[in-house]
């Protein structure tokens, strides 16, 4: 089974760049008890890093003035790996990242059960 770590081919410099983007444009959210990381900003080179990372969902929207992109990361293992990796490079959101890591590690995750007909 692939993990976020095995899929990720980012260098330390690229992780540091993503941490800076997350510090400036990212947010941590909890929706219906499930955490997620979000980065929203104008389209640009950062999307290449997100695609290279190989996880999360990248949405693109054509704006009136500029194209905009939003990246959402939901999956528990990938979110945990992402946060643990960028925490060492973060300058602004270290405390929030640490709190979310603790939340993820202590939360009981329920798998959605498939309904049978």
C-alpha atoms as a PDB file:
ATOM      1  CA  UNK A   1       0.000   0.000   0.000  1.00  0.00           C
ATOM      2  CA  UNK A   2       1.348   3.414  -0.957  1.00  0.00           C
ATOM      3  CA  UNK A   3       1.717   6.025   1.732  1.00  0.00           C
ATOM      4  CA  UNK A   4       1.991   9.775   1.435  1.00  0.00           C
ATOM      5  CA  UNK A   5       5.702   9.445   2.166  1.00  0.00           C
ATOM      6  CA  UNK A   6       6.321   6.939  -0.620  1.00  0.00           C
ATOM      7  CA  UNK A   7       4.283   8.989  -3.110  1.00  0.00           C
ATOM      8  CA  UNK A   8       5.968  12.261  -2.220  1.00  0.00           C
ATOM      9  CA  UNK A   9       8.932  13.201  -4.325  1.00  0.00           C
ATOM     10  CA  UNK A  10       9.422  16.689  -2.954  1.00  0.00           C
ATOM     11  CA  UNK A  11      12.831  17.956  -1.913  1.00  0.00           C
ATOM     12  CA  UNK A  12      13.454  19.693   1.424  1.00  0.00           C
ATOM     13  CA  UNK A  13      13.472  23.008  -0.433  1.00  0.00           C
ATOM     14  CA  UNK A  14      10.088  22.257  -2.004  1.00  0.00           C
ATOM     15  CA  UNK A  15       8.624  21.254   1.382  1.00  0.00           C
ATOM     16  CA  UNK A  16       9.929  24.510   2.855  1.00  0.00           C
ATOM     17  CA  UNK A  17       8.297  26.430  -0.016  1.00  0.00           C
ATOM     18  CA  UNK A  18       4.965  24.658   0.614  1.00  0.00           C
ATOM     19  CA  UNK A  19       5.257  25.412   4.338  1.00  0.00           C
ATOM     20  CA  UNK A  20       5.695  29.093   3.493  1.00  0.00           C
ATOM     21  CA  UNK A  21       2.655  29.001   1.208  1.00  0.00           C
ATOM     22  CA  UNK A  22       0.668  27.303   3.931  1.00  0.00           C
ATOM     23  CA  UNK A  23       1.801  29.872   6.505  1.00  0.00           C
ATOM     24  CA  UNK A  24       0.581  32.680   4.239  1.00  0.00           C
ATOM     25  CA  UNK A  25      -2.373  31.242   2.330  1.00  0.00           C
ATOM     26  CA  UNK A  26      -3.324  28.004   4.057  1.00  0.00           C
ATOM     27  CA  UNK A  27      -5.856  27.113   6.692  1.00  0.00           C
ATOM     28  CA  UNK A  28      -6.737  24.181   8.914  1.00  0.00           C
ATOM     29  CA  UNK A  29     -10.408  23.372   9.234  1.00  0.00           C
ATOM     30  CA  UNK A  30     -12.623  20.840  10.932  1.00  0.00           C
ATOM     31  CA  UNK A  31     -15.896  20.044   9.151  1.00  0.00           C
ATOM     32  CA  UNK A  32     -18.347  17.621  10.743  1.00  0.00           C
ATOM     33  CA  UNK A  33     -15.548  16.400  13.007  1.00  0.00           C
ATOM     34  CA  UNK A  34     -13.116  15.695  10.161  1.00  0.00           C
ATOM     35  CA  UNK A  35      -9.990  17.830   9.728  1.00  0.00           C
ATOM     36  CA  UNK A  36      -8.598  19.135   6.467  1.00  0.00           C
ATOM     37  CA  UNK A  37      -5.883  21.443   5.194  1.00  0.00           C
ATOM     38  CA  UNK A  38      -6.651  24.047   2.525  1.00  0.00           C
ATOM     39  CA  UNK A  39      -4.496  26.361   0.427  1.00  0.00           C
ATOM     40  CA  UNK A  40      -6.279  28.950  -1.744  1.00  0.00           C
ATOM     41  CA  UNK A  41      -4.497  31.447  -3.950  1.00  0.00           C
ATOM     42  CA  UNK A  42      -3.944  32.599  -7.504  1.00  0.00           C
ATOM     43  CA  UNK A  43      -2.886  29.918  -9.930  1.00  0.00           C
ATOM     44  CA  UNK A  44       0.842  29.480 -10.274  1.00  0.00           C
ATOM     45  CA  UNK A  45       3.907  27.314  -9.886  1.00  0.00           C
ATOM     46  CA  UNK A  46       2.828  26.009  -6.479  1.00  0.00           C
ATOM     47  CA  UNK A  47       0.244  23.810  -8.238  1.00  0.00           C
ATOM     48  CA  UNK A  48       3.081  21.813  -9.800  1.00  0.00           C
ATOM     49  CA  UNK A  49       4.360  20.951  -6.303  1.00  0.00           C
ATOM     50  CA  UNK A  50       0.884  19.903  -5.198  1.00  0.00           C
ATOM     51  CA  UNK A  51       0.513  17.647  -8.219  1.00  0.00           C
ATOM     52  CA  UNK A  52       4.014  16.264  -7.657  1.00  0.00           C
ATOM     53  CA  UNK A  53       3.053  15.445  -4.060  1.00  0.00           C
ATOM     54  CA  UNK A  54       0.339  13.205  -5.464  1.00  0.00           C
ATOM     55  CA  UNK A  55      -2.427  13.670  -2.908  1.00  0.00           C
ATOM     56  CA  UNK A  56      -5.372  15.909  -2.159  1.00  0.00           C
ATOM     57  CA  UNK A  57      -7.786  17.576  -4.559  1.00  0.00           C
ATOM     58  CA  UNK A  58      -6.872  20.593  -6.667  1.00  0.00           C
ATOM     59  CA  UNK A  59      -9.762  22.763  -7.850  1.00  0.00           C
ATOM     60  CA  UNK A  60      -9.359  25.561 -10.357  1.00  0.00           C
ATOM     61  CA  UNK A  61     -11.739  28.446 -10.944  1.00  0.00           C
ATOM     62  CA  UNK A  62     -11.550  31.171 -13.534  1.00  0.00           C
ATOM     63  CA  UNK A  63     -11.764  34.487 -11.754  1.00  0.00           C
ATOM     64  CA  UNK A  64     -12.768  37.854 -13.117  1.00  0.00           C
ATOM     65  CA  UNK A  65      -9.198  39.154 -12.851  1.00  0.00           C
ATOM     66  CA  UNK A  66      -7.073  36.067 -12.290  1.00  0.00           C
ATOM     67  CA  UNK A  67      -7.491  32.318 -12.226  1.00  0.00           C
ATOM     68  CA  UNK A  68      -7.725  30.910  -8.728  1.00  0.00           C
ATOM     69  CA  UNK A  69      -6.896  27.509  -7.313  1.00  0.00           C
ATOM     70  CA  UNK A  70      -7.781  25.699  -4.115  1.00  0.00           C
ATOM     71  CA  UNK A  71      -6.127  22.543  -2.792  1.00  0.00           C
ATOM     72  CA  UNK A  72      -7.882  20.395  -0.190  1.00  0.00           C
ATOM     73  CA  UNK A  73      -6.278  17.566   1.746  1.00  0.00           C
ATOM     74  CA  UNK A  74      -8.678  15.269   3.614  1.00  0.00           C
ATOM     75  CA  UNK A  75      -7.248  11.758   3.885  1.00  0.00           C
ATOM     76  CA  UNK A  76      -6.026  11.044   7.427  1.00  0.00           C
ATOM     77  CA  UNK A  77      -2.637   9.510   6.575  1.00  0.00           C
ATOM     78  CA  UNK A  78      -1.824  12.117   3.938  1.00  0.00           C
ATOM     79  CA  UNK A  79      -2.957  15.019   6.106  1.00  0.00           C
ATOM     80  CA  UNK A  80      -0.907  13.772   9.049  1.00  0.00           C
ATOM     81  CA  UNK A  81       2.196  13.297   6.888  1.00  0.00           C
ATOM     82  CA  UNK A  82       1.769  16.740   5.279  1.00  0.00           C
ATOM     83  CA  UNK A  83       1.386  18.511   8.632  1.00  0.00           C
ATOM     84  CA  UNK A  84       4.252  16.643  10.294  1.00  0.00           C
ATOM     85  CA  UNK A  85       6.514  17.484   7.357  1.00  0.00           C
ATOM     86  CA  UNK A  86       5.710  21.189   7.009  1.00  0.00           C
ATOM     87  CA  UNK A  87       5.742  21.792  10.778  1.00  0.00           C
ATOM     88  CA  UNK A  88       9.554  21.793  10.812  1.00  0.00           C
ATOM     89  CA  UNK A  89       9.623  24.540   8.166  1.00  0.00           C
ATOM     90  CA  UNK A  90       6.661  26.603   9.365  1.00  0.00           C
ATOM     91  CA  UNK A  91       7.342  29.999  10.906  1.00  0.00           C
ATOM     92  CA  UNK A  92       3.801  31.235  11.560  1.00  0.00           C
ATOM     93  CA  UNK A  93       1.401  28.331  12.079  1.00  0.00           C
ATOM     94  CA  UNK A  94       3.510  25.931  14.143  1.00  0.00           C
ATOM     95  CA  UNK A  95       1.094  25.973  17.088  1.00  0.00           C
ATOM     96  CA  UNK A  96      -1.993  25.439  14.908  1.00  0.00           C
ATOM     97  CA  UNK A  97      -0.277  22.630  13.004  1.00  0.00           C
ATOM     98  CA  UNK A  98       0.761  20.957  16.277  1.00  0.00           C
ATOM     99  CA  UNK A  99      -2.788  21.217  17.644  1.00  0.00           C
ATOM    100  CA  UNK A 100      -4.233  19.675  14.477  1.00  0.00           C
ATOM    101  CA  UNK A 101      -1.706  16.825  14.572  1.00  0.00           C
ATOM    102  CA  UNK A 102      -2.775  16.105  18.162  1.00  0.00           C
ATOM    103  CA  UNK A 103      -6.438  16.214  17.122  1.00  0.00           C
ATOM    104  CA  UNK A 104      -5.827  13.783  14.261  1.00  0.00           C
ATOM    105  CA  UNK A 105      -3.856  11.363  16.441  1.00  0.00           C
ATOM    106  CA  UNK A 106      -6.476  11.321  19.219  1.00  0.00           C
ATOM    107  CA  UNK A 107      -9.657  11.303  17.115  1.00  0.00           C
ATOM    108  CA  UNK A 108     -11.473   8.071  16.412  1.00  0.00           C
ATOM    109  CA  UNK A 109     -12.064   7.960  12.676  1.00  0.00           C
ATOM    110  CA  UNK A 110     -15.183   6.199  11.477  1.00  0.00           C
ATOM    111  CA  UNK A 111     -15.159   4.666   8.040  1.00  0.00           C
ATOM    112  CA  UNK A 112     -18.238   5.253   5.976  1.00  0.00           C
ATOM    113  CA  UNK A 113     -20.002   1.976   5.461  1.00  0.00           C
ATOM    114  CA  UNK A 114     -21.165   1.114   2.003  1.00  0.00           C
ATOM    115  CA  UNK A 115     -24.880   0.549   1.797  1.00  0.00           C
ATOM    116  CA  UNK A 116     -25.984  -2.675   0.223  1.00  0.00           C
ATOM    117  CA  UNK A 117     -29.108  -2.804  -1.883  1.00  0.00           C
END
